[in-house]
Amino acid sequence: MKTLYLLRHAKSSWDNPELDDFERPLNKRGHHDAPLIGNLLEKLNISPDLIISSPAIRASMTARIIADAIKYPLDRIRYDENIYEAGEMDLLEVIYAVDDTVDKLMLVGHNPSFTYLSHYLAKHHAQNIPTCGLFAVELNITSWTKVKKNCGKLSLYEYPKKYK
């Protein structure tokens, strides 16, 4: 059994229109929501074996805030450029490359690809994964290379607005 967590980055800032999309940091709401979700994950005893994040600033900031809340070592977060501006198949390739000793994997990245991937993985999926939303799916597989359409079951769907 494997578990995949798809965590969309927290709300990012558009204050500086001259910044490249990749460089946009979190805004005030993002700095509030990421610790909220991190603390929720800590209370739920969610501790991934591996976190792989998009290297985009807003995603990497979110990954570090979440990791800190769940006591995941920051130096063990992997950054994969294939998550930034990824399509559904790009994300599957990232997943397929994960070592099978990892049972609980968290990807931190972007929409619309995370929402599309949730639709691919489970019949009951997130209509839309909002900023700082977490979609978790249990996969009845022993190898990440066995991930395929509708192979998973929704196990958790959390997002900040549920708690406001």
N, C-alpha and C. Protein backbone atom coordinates (compact mmCIF):
# COMPACT_ATOMS: atom_id res chain seq x y z
N MET A 1 0.85 -1.18 0.00
CA MET A 1 0.00 0.00 0.00
C MET A 1 0.89 1.24 0.00
N LYS A 2 0.57 2.18 -0.88
CA LYS A 2 1.28 3.46 -0.97
C LYS A 2 0.27 4.58 -0.73
N THR A 3 0.77 5.70 -0.25
CA THR A 3 -0.06 6.89 -0.07
C THR A 3 0.63 8.05 -0.77
N LEU A 4 -0.14 8.76 -1.58
CA LEU A 4 0.36 9.94 -2.28
C LEU A 4 -0.39 11.16 -1.78
N TYR A 5 0.37 12.17 -1.37
CA TYR A 5 -0.19 13.45 -0.95
C TYR A 5 0.16 14.49 -2.01
N LEU A 6 -0.86 15.15 -2.54
CA LEU A 6 -0.66 16.25 -3.48
C LEU A 6 -0.98 17.53 -2.72
N LEU A 7 0.03 18.35 -2.49
CA LEU A 7 -0.14 19.60 -1.76
C LEU A 7 0.11 20.75 -2.72
N ARG A 8 -0.93 21.51 -2.98
CA ARG A 8 -0.76 22.70 -3.83
C ARG A 8 -0.12 23.80 -2.98
N HIS A 9 0.77 24.57 -3.59
CA HIS A 9 1.43 25.65 -2.87
C HIS A 9 0.41 26.62 -2.28
N ALA A 10 0.82 27.31 -1.23
CA ALA A 10 -0.03 28.31 -0.59
C ALA A 10 -0.14 29.54 -1.50
N LYS A 11 -1.03 30.43 -1.14
CA LYS A 11 -1.33 31.63 -1.95
C LYS A 11 -0.07 32.47 -2.16
N SER A 12 0.14 32.84 -3.41
CA SER A 12 1.34 33.60 -3.76
C SER A 12 1.02 35.06 -4.02
N SER A 13 2.06 35.85 -3.97
CA SER A 13 1.94 37.29 -4.13
C SER A 13 2.07 37.70 -5.60
N TRP A 14 1.22 38.63 -5.97
CA TRP A 14 1.29 39.25 -7.29
C TRP A 14 1.69 40.72 -7.15
N ASP A 15 2.22 41.09 -5.99
CA ASP A 15 2.54 42.49 -5.70
C ASP A 15 3.59 43.08 -6.63
N ASN A 16 4.52 42.27 -7.07
CA ASN A 16 5.59 42.74 -7.93
C ASN A 16 5.42 42.15 -9.33
N PRO A 17 4.76 42.88 -10.25
CA PRO A 17 4.48 42.33 -11.58
C PRO A 17 5.75 42.09 -12.42
N GLU A 18 6.87 42.64 -11.97
CA GLU A 18 8.12 42.44 -12.71
C GLU A 18 8.78 41.10 -12.37
N LEU A 19 8.32 40.45 -11.30
CA LEU A 19 8.89 39.16 -10.94
C LEU A 19 8.45 38.10 -11.93
N ASP A 20 9.36 37.25 -12.30
CA ASP A 20 9.04 36.08 -13.11
C ASP A 20 8.11 35.17 -12.30
N ASP A 21 7.21 34.45 -12.95
CA ASP A 21 6.27 33.57 -12.27
C ASP A 21 6.99 32.63 -11.30
N PHE A 22 8.11 32.10 -11.69
CA PHE A 22 8.89 31.17 -10.88
C PHE A 22 9.33 31.80 -9.56
N GLU A 23 9.54 33.09 -9.56
CA GLU A 23 10.10 33.81 -8.41
C GLU A 23 9.06 34.35 -7.43
N ARG A 24 7.76 34.20 -7.73
CA ARG A 24 6.75 34.78 -6.84
C ARG A 24 6.75 34.11 -5.47
N PRO A 25 6.84 34.92 -4.40
CA PRO A 25 6.82 34.37 -3.03
C PRO A 25 5.38 34.21 -2.53
N LEU A 26 5.26 33.72 -1.31
CA LEU A 26 3.94 33.64 -0.68
C LEU A 26 3.49 35.03 -0.26
N ASN A 27 2.19 35.23 -0.27
CA ASN A 27 1.65 36.49 0.24
C ASN A 27 1.25 36.28 1.72
N LYS A 28 0.60 37.29 2.30
CA LYS A 28 0.23 37.23 3.72
C LYS A 28 -0.68 36.02 4.00
N ARG A 29 -1.66 35.81 3.14
CA ARG A 29 -2.56 34.67 3.33
C ARG A 29 -1.81 33.35 3.22
N GLY A 30 -0.87 33.27 2.27
CA GLY A 30 -0.06 32.07 2.13
C GLY A 30 0.76 31.77 3.37
N HIS A 31 1.31 32.83 3.98
CA HIS A 31 2.09 32.66 5.21
C HIS A 31 1.21 32.27 6.39
N HIS A 32 -0.08 32.53 6.30
CA HIS A 32 -1.03 32.10 7.34
C HIS A 32 -1.50 30.67 7.08
N ASP A 33 -1.84 30.37 5.82
CA ASP A 33 -2.45 29.09 5.49
C ASP A 33 -1.49 27.91 5.56
N ALA A 34 -0.24 28.10 5.15
CA ALA A 34 0.70 26.98 5.15
C ALA A 34 0.93 26.44 6.57
N PRO A 35 1.17 27.29 7.57
CA PRO A 35 1.30 26.75 8.93
C PRO A 35 0.01 26.10 9.44
N LEU A 36 -1.14 26.64 9.04
CA LEU A 36 -2.42 26.06 9.43
C LEU A 36 -2.52 24.61 8.94
N ILE A 37 -2.22 24.39 7.67
CA ILE A 37 -2.27 23.03 7.11
C ILE A 37 -1.15 22.18 7.70
N GLY A 38 0.02 22.75 7.88
CA GLY A 38 1.12 22.01 8.51
C GLY A 38 0.75 21.52 9.90
N ASN A 39 0.15 22.38 10.70
CA ASN A 39 -0.27 21.99 12.05
C ASN A 39 -1.36 20.93 12.02
N LEU A 40 -2.26 21.03 11.05
CA LEU A 40 -3.30 20.01 10.89
C LEU A 40 -2.66 18.66 10.56
N LEU A 41 -1.70 18.66 9.64
CA LEU A 41 -1.03 17.41 9.27
C LEU A 41 -0.30 16.81 10.47
N GLU A 42 0.30 17.67 11.27
CA GLU A 42 1.01 17.20 12.47
C GLU A 42 0.02 16.57 13.44
N LYS A 43 -1.15 17.18 13.61
CA LYS A 43 -2.17 16.63 14.51
C LYS A 43 -2.70 15.29 14.00
N LEU A 44 -2.75 15.14 12.67
CA LEU A 44 -3.23 13.90 12.05
C LEU A 44 -2.13 12.85 11.93
N ASN A 45 -0.95 13.16 12.44
CA ASN A 45 0.21 12.25 12.38
C ASN A 45 0.59 11.88 10.95
N ILE A 46 0.47 12.83 10.05
CA ILE A 46 0.87 12.59 8.67
C ILE A 46 2.34 12.94 8.54
N SER A 47 3.12 11.93 8.18
CA SER A 47 4.55 12.13 8.03
C SER A 47 5.03 11.37 6.80
N PRO A 48 5.18 12.07 5.69
CA PRO A 48 5.63 11.40 4.46
C PRO A 48 7.07 10.90 4.62
N ASP A 49 7.35 9.84 3.88
CA ASP A 49 8.72 9.32 3.83
C ASP A 49 9.59 10.22 2.96
N LEU A 50 8.95 10.88 1.99
CA LEU A 50 9.68 11.73 1.06
C LEU A 50 8.79 12.89 0.63
N ILE A 51 9.37 14.08 0.61
CA ILE A 51 8.71 15.26 0.05
C ILE A 51 9.51 15.69 -1.17
N ILE A 52 8.80 15.82 -2.29
CA ILE A 52 9.40 16.35 -3.51
C ILE A 52 8.61 17.59 -3.89
N SER A 53 9.31 18.70 -4.07
CA SER A 53 8.66 19.98 -4.35
C SER A 53 9.12 20.56 -5.67
N SER A 54 8.22 21.32 -6.26
CA SER A 54 8.61 22.20 -7.35
C SER A 54 9.62 23.18 -6.75
N PRO A 55 10.63 23.57 -7.54
CA PRO A 55 11.59 24.55 -7.02
C PRO A 55 11.10 26.00 -7.09
N ALA A 56 9.92 26.23 -7.66
CA ALA A 56 9.38 27.59 -7.70
C ALA A 56 9.30 28.12 -6.27
N ILE A 57 9.56 29.40 -6.09
CA ILE A 57 9.66 29.98 -4.74
C ILE A 57 8.42 29.71 -3.90
N ARG A 58 7.23 29.92 -4.44
CA ARG A 58 6.01 29.75 -3.65
C ARG A 58 5.81 28.29 -3.22
N ALA A 59 6.21 27.35 -4.06
CA ALA A 59 6.10 25.92 -3.72
C ALA A 59 7.17 25.53 -2.72
N SER A 60 8.40 25.96 -2.94
CA SER A 60 9.47 25.58 -2.01
C SER A 60 9.25 26.20 -0.63
N MET A 61 8.72 27.42 -0.57
CA MET A 61 8.40 28.03 0.72
C MET A 61 7.32 27.22 1.43
N THR A 62 6.29 26.81 0.69
CA THR A 62 5.22 26.00 1.25
C THR A 62 5.77 24.67 1.77
N ALA A 63 6.60 24.03 0.96
CA ALA A 63 7.17 22.74 1.37
C ALA A 63 7.96 22.87 2.66
N ARG A 64 8.75 23.93 2.79
CA ARG A 64 9.57 24.11 4.00
C ARG A 64 8.69 24.39 5.23
N ILE A 65 7.64 25.18 5.06
CA ILE A 65 6.74 25.47 6.18
C ILE A 65 6.04 24.20 6.65
N ILE A 66 5.56 23.41 5.70
CA ILE A 66 4.88 22.15 6.04
C ILE A 66 5.86 21.19 6.69
N ALA A 67 7.04 21.05 6.09
CA ALA A 67 8.06 20.13 6.64
C ALA A 67 8.40 20.51 8.07
N ASP A 68 8.56 21.79 8.32
CA ASP A 68 8.89 22.24 9.66
C ASP A 68 7.78 21.86 10.64
N ALA A 69 6.54 22.02 10.25
CA ALA A 69 5.41 21.71 11.14
C ALA A 69 5.32 20.23 11.46
N ILE A 70 5.67 19.37 10.51
CA ILE A 70 5.55 17.92 10.73
C ILE A 70 6.89 17.29 11.11
N LYS A 71 7.88 18.14 11.37
CA LYS A 71 9.21 17.69 11.81
C LYS A 71 9.92 16.84 10.75
N TYR A 72 9.71 17.18 9.50
CA TYR A 72 10.41 16.52 8.39
C TYR A 72 11.68 17.33 8.14
N PRO A 73 12.84 16.69 8.07
CA PRO A 73 14.10 17.43 7.90
C PRO A 73 14.12 18.24 6.59
N LEU A 74 14.37 19.54 6.74
CA LEU A 74 14.36 20.43 5.57
C LEU A 74 15.39 20.01 4.52
N ASP A 75 16.51 19.46 4.96
CA ASP A 75 17.54 19.06 4.00
C ASP A 75 17.21 17.79 3.25
N ARG A 76 16.09 17.14 3.60
CA ARG A 76 15.66 15.94 2.87
C ARG A 76 14.57 16.25 1.84
N ILE A 77 14.13 17.51 1.77
CA ILE A 77 13.17 17.88 0.72
C ILE A 77 13.91 17.84 -0.61
N ARG A 78 13.35 17.14 -1.58
CA ARG A 78 13.93 17.12 -2.92
C ARG A 78 13.19 18.13 -3.78
N TYR A 79 13.91 18.74 -4.67
CA TYR A 79 13.32 19.70 -5.59
C TYR A 79 13.45 19.15 -7.00
N ASP A 80 12.34 19.16 -7.73
CA ASP A 80 12.32 18.59 -9.07
C ASP A 80 11.68 19.59 -10.03
N GLU A 81 12.47 20.07 -10.97
CA GLU A 81 11.97 21.05 -11.95
C GLU A 81 10.84 20.50 -12.80
N ASN A 82 10.71 19.19 -12.89
CA ASN A 82 9.64 18.59 -13.68
C ASN A 82 8.26 18.81 -13.08
N ILE A 83 8.20 19.27 -11.83
CA ILE A 83 6.90 19.56 -11.21
C ILE A 83 6.41 20.95 -11.61
N TYR A 84 7.32 21.86 -11.86
CA TYR A 84 6.95 23.22 -12.27
C TYR A 84 6.47 23.20 -13.72
N GLU A 85 5.32 23.79 -13.96
CA GLU A 85 4.69 23.80 -15.29
C GLU A 85 4.49 22.39 -15.85
N ALA A 86 4.22 21.46 -14.94
CA ALA A 86 4.06 20.06 -15.32
C ALA A 86 2.68 19.79 -15.88
N GLY A 87 2.64 18.82 -16.74
CA GLY A 87 1.38 18.22 -17.15
C GLY A 87 1.17 16.97 -16.31
N GLU A 88 0.03 16.37 -16.45
CA GLU A 88 -0.30 15.16 -15.69
C GLU A 88 0.75 14.07 -15.92
N MET A 89 1.16 13.88 -17.17
CA MET A 89 2.15 12.83 -17.48
C MET A 89 3.51 13.15 -16.87
N ASP A 90 3.89 14.43 -16.81
CA ASP A 90 5.15 14.82 -16.17
C ASP A 90 5.14 14.43 -14.70
N LEU A 91 4.02 14.67 -14.05
CA LEU A 91 3.90 14.31 -12.63
C LEU A 91 3.96 12.80 -12.44
N LEU A 92 3.33 12.07 -13.34
CA LEU A 92 3.40 10.60 -13.26
C LEU A 92 4.84 10.13 -13.41
N GLU A 93 5.61 10.76 -14.27
CA GLU A 93 7.02 10.38 -14.44
C GLU A 93 7.81 10.62 -13.16
N VAL A 94 7.53 11.73 -12.48
CA VAL A 94 8.17 12.00 -11.19
C VAL A 94 7.83 10.88 -10.20
N ILE A 95 6.55 10.50 -10.15
CA ILE A 95 6.09 9.45 -9.24
C ILE A 95 6.73 8.11 -9.59
N TYR A 96 6.74 7.76 -10.88
CA TYR A 96 7.31 6.49 -11.31
C TYR A 96 8.78 6.34 -10.90
N ALA A 97 9.48 7.45 -10.79
CA ALA A 97 10.92 7.42 -10.47
C ALA A 97 11.21 7.27 -8.98
N VAL A 98 10.18 7.32 -8.14
CA VAL A 98 10.38 7.23 -6.70
C VAL A 98 10.72 5.78 -6.31
N ASP A 99 11.69 5.64 -5.43
CA ASP A 99 12.10 4.32 -4.95
C ASP A 99 10.95 3.66 -4.20
N ASP A 100 10.80 2.38 -4.39
CA ASP A 100 9.68 1.66 -3.78
C ASP A 100 9.81 1.48 -2.27
N THR A 101 10.95 1.84 -1.69
CA THR A 101 11.05 1.83 -0.23
C THR A 101 10.24 2.97 0.38
N VAL A 102 9.88 3.95 -0.43
CA VAL A 102 9.04 5.07 0.00
C VAL A 102 7.58 4.63 -0.07
N ASP A 103 6.91 4.66 1.07
CA ASP A 103 5.49 4.28 1.09
C ASP A 103 4.56 5.49 1.09
N LYS A 104 5.04 6.61 1.66
CA LYS A 104 4.22 7.82 1.74
C LYS A 104 4.98 8.96 1.07
N LEU A 105 4.44 9.41 -0.05
CA LEU A 105 5.09 10.43 -0.87
C LEU A 105 4.24 11.69 -0.89
N MET A 106 4.90 12.85 -0.69
CA MET A 106 4.21 14.12 -0.81
C MET A 106 4.85 14.91 -1.95
N LEU A 107 4.02 15.35 -2.89
CA LEU A 107 4.45 16.27 -3.93
C LEU A 107 3.90 17.64 -3.60
N VAL A 108 4.71 18.67 -3.76
CA VAL A 108 4.28 20.04 -3.52
C VAL A 108 4.43 20.78 -4.85
N GLY A 109 3.32 21.31 -5.35
CA GLY A 109 3.39 21.95 -6.65
C GLY A 109 2.19 22.80 -6.99
N HIS A 110 1.71 22.65 -8.21
CA HIS A 110 0.86 23.65 -8.83
C HIS A 110 -0.39 23.06 -9.48
N ASN A 111 -1.35 23.93 -9.65
CA ASN A 111 -2.51 23.63 -10.48
C ASN A 111 -2.27 24.20 -11.87
N PRO A 112 -2.93 23.73 -12.89
CA PRO A 112 -4.03 22.77 -12.83
C PRO A 112 -3.59 21.31 -12.78
N SER A 113 -2.29 21.05 -12.90
CA SER A 113 -1.83 19.67 -13.01
C SER A 113 -2.16 18.82 -11.78
N PHE A 114 -2.12 19.40 -10.57
CA PHE A 114 -2.44 18.60 -9.39
C PHE A 114 -3.90 18.18 -9.39
N THR A 115 -4.79 19.08 -9.76
CA THR A 115 -6.21 18.73 -9.82
C THR A 115 -6.44 17.67 -10.90
N TYR A 116 -5.83 17.84 -12.06
CA TYR A 116 -5.97 16.84 -13.13
C TYR A 116 -5.47 15.48 -12.66
N LEU A 117 -4.35 15.47 -11.94
CA LEU A 117 -3.81 14.20 -11.45
C LEU A 117 -4.75 13.57 -10.43
N SER A 118 -5.39 14.38 -9.59
CA SER A 118 -6.36 13.83 -8.64
C SER A 118 -7.51 13.15 -9.39
N HIS A 119 -7.93 13.74 -10.50
CA HIS A 119 -9.01 13.14 -11.32
C HIS A 119 -8.56 11.82 -11.93
N TYR A 120 -7.32 11.75 -12.31
CA TYR A 120 -6.76 10.54 -12.93
C TYR A 120 -6.64 9.41 -11.91
N LEU A 121 -6.24 9.74 -10.70
CA LEU A 121 -5.92 8.72 -9.71
C LEU A 121 -7.12 8.10 -9.02
N ALA A 122 -8.18 8.86 -8.81
CA ALA A 122 -9.28 8.37 -7.98
C ALA A 122 -10.63 8.76 -8.57
N LYS A 123 -11.58 7.84 -8.48
CA LYS A 123 -12.94 8.14 -8.95
C LYS A 123 -13.56 9.27 -8.15
N HIS A 124 -13.30 9.27 -6.84
CA HIS A 124 -13.76 10.36 -5.97
C HIS A 124 -12.55 11.27 -5.79
N HIS A 125 -12.62 12.42 -6.41
CA HIS A 125 -11.46 13.31 -6.46
C HIS A 125 -11.85 14.73 -6.07
N ALA A 126 -10.85 15.55 -6.01
CA ALA A 126 -11.09 16.96 -5.72
C ALA A 126 -11.56 17.65 -7.00
N GLN A 127 -12.67 18.36 -6.92
CA GLN A 127 -13.12 19.13 -8.08
C GLN A 127 -12.04 20.13 -8.47
N ASN A 128 -11.45 20.74 -7.45
CA ASN A 128 -10.34 21.66 -7.63
C ASN A 128 -9.53 21.67 -6.34
N ILE A 129 -8.22 21.54 -6.45
CA ILE A 129 -7.38 21.64 -5.26
C ILE A 129 -7.02 23.12 -5.11
N PRO A 130 -7.55 23.78 -4.08
CA PRO A 130 -7.28 25.21 -3.89
C PRO A 130 -5.86 25.43 -3.36
N THR A 131 -5.45 26.69 -3.30
CA THR A 131 -4.13 26.97 -2.76
C THR A 131 -4.02 26.41 -1.34
N CYS A 132 -2.90 25.77 -1.09
CA CYS A 132 -2.58 25.10 0.17
C CYS A 132 -3.54 23.95 0.46
N GLY A 133 -4.22 23.47 -0.57
CA GLY A 133 -5.08 22.31 -0.42
C GLY A 133 -4.26 21.03 -0.49
N LEU A 134 -4.70 20.03 0.25
CA LEU A 134 -4.03 18.74 0.28
C LEU A 134 -5.01 17.66 -0.14
N PHE A 135 -4.63 16.91 -1.15
CA PHE A 135 -5.41 15.78 -1.64
C PHE A 135 -4.56 14.54 -1.38
N ALA A 136 -5.10 13.58 -0.63
CA ALA A 136 -4.36 12.34 -0.36
C ALA A 136 -5.13 11.17 -0.92
N VAL A 137 -4.37 10.27 -1.53
CA VAL A 137 -4.98 9.09 -2.13
C VAL A 137 -4.20 7.86 -1.70
N GLU A 138 -4.95 6.83 -1.28
CA GLU A 138 -4.34 5.54 -0.95
C GLU A 138 -4.32 4.71 -2.22
N LEU A 139 -3.17 4.15 -2.48
CA LEU A 139 -2.96 3.38 -3.71
C LEU A 139 -2.69 1.92 -3.35
N ASN A 140 -3.50 1.03 -3.86
CA ASN A 140 -3.33 -0.39 -3.57
C ASN A 140 -2.29 -0.98 -4.52
N ILE A 141 -1.05 -0.53 -4.34
CA ILE A 141 0.07 -0.96 -5.18
C ILE A 141 1.28 -1.17 -4.28
N THR A 142 2.27 -1.88 -4.79
CA THR A 142 3.52 -2.07 -4.06
C THR A 142 4.68 -1.34 -4.72
N SER A 143 4.46 -0.85 -5.93
CA SER A 143 5.50 -0.13 -6.66
C SER A 143 4.91 1.13 -7.27
N TRP A 144 5.67 2.23 -7.18
CA TRP A 144 5.20 3.50 -7.74
C TRP A 144 5.04 3.40 -9.25
N THR A 145 5.72 2.47 -9.89
CA THR A 145 5.58 2.31 -11.34
C THR A 145 4.22 1.72 -11.72
N LYS A 146 3.46 1.26 -10.74
CA LYS A 146 2.14 0.65 -10.99
C LYS A 146 1.00 1.67 -10.90
N VAL A 147 1.32 2.94 -10.64
CA VAL A 147 0.27 3.96 -10.59
C VAL A 147 -0.41 4.04 -11.95
N LYS A 148 -1.74 3.97 -11.94
CA LYS A 148 -2.51 4.06 -13.18
C LYS A 148 -3.87 4.68 -12.89
N LYS A 149 -4.62 4.90 -13.92
CA LYS A 149 -5.93 5.55 -13.81
C LYS A 149 -6.84 4.80 -12.83
N ASN A 150 -7.45 5.58 -11.93
CA ASN A 150 -8.41 5.08 -10.95
C ASN A 150 -7.86 3.98 -10.04
N CYS A 151 -6.55 3.99 -9.80
CA CYS A 151 -5.98 2.96 -8.92
C CYS A 151 -6.02 3.36 -7.46
N GLY A 152 -6.50 4.56 -7.18
CA GLY A 152 -6.46 5.04 -5.81
C GLY A 152 -7.82 5.33 -5.22
N LYS A 153 -7.80 5.53 -3.92
CA LYS A 153 -9.00 5.87 -3.17
C LYS A 153 -8.71 7.13 -2.35
N LEU A 154 -9.56 8.12 -2.51
CA LEU A 154 -9.42 9.37 -1.75
C LEU A 154 -9.42 9.05 -0.26
N SER A 155 -8.40 9.52 0.45
CA SER A 155 -8.34 9.28 1.89
C SER A 155 -8.38 10.57 2.71
N LEU A 156 -8.05 11.70 2.07
CA LEU A 156 -8.03 12.96 2.80
C LEU A 156 -8.09 14.11 1.81
N TYR A 157 -8.90 15.09 2.13
CA TYR A 157 -8.96 16.30 1.32
C TYR A 157 -9.14 17.47 2.27
N GLU A 158 -8.09 18.24 2.44
CA GLU A 158 -8.08 19.36 3.37
C GLU A 158 -7.67 20.63 2.64
N TYR A 159 -8.21 21.75 3.12
CA TYR A 159 -7.84 23.05 2.55
C TYR A 159 -8.18 24.12 3.59
N PRO A 160 -7.45 25.23 3.55
CA PRO A 160 -7.59 26.25 4.61
C PRO A 160 -9.00 26.79 4.81
N LYS A 161 -9.76 26.99 3.75
CA LYS A 161 -11.09 27.61 3.91
C LYS A 161 -12.05 26.73 4.71
N LYS A 162 -11.76 25.42 4.84
CA LYS A 162 -12.58 24.55 5.67
C LYS A 162 -12.52 24.99 7.13
N TYR A 163 -11.48 25.71 7.48
CA TYR A 163 -11.22 26.05 8.89
C TYR A 163 -11.39 27.54 9.18
N LYS A 164 -12.03 28.24 8.27
CA LYS A 164 -12.25 29.68 8.47
C LYS A 164 -13.69 29.98 8.67
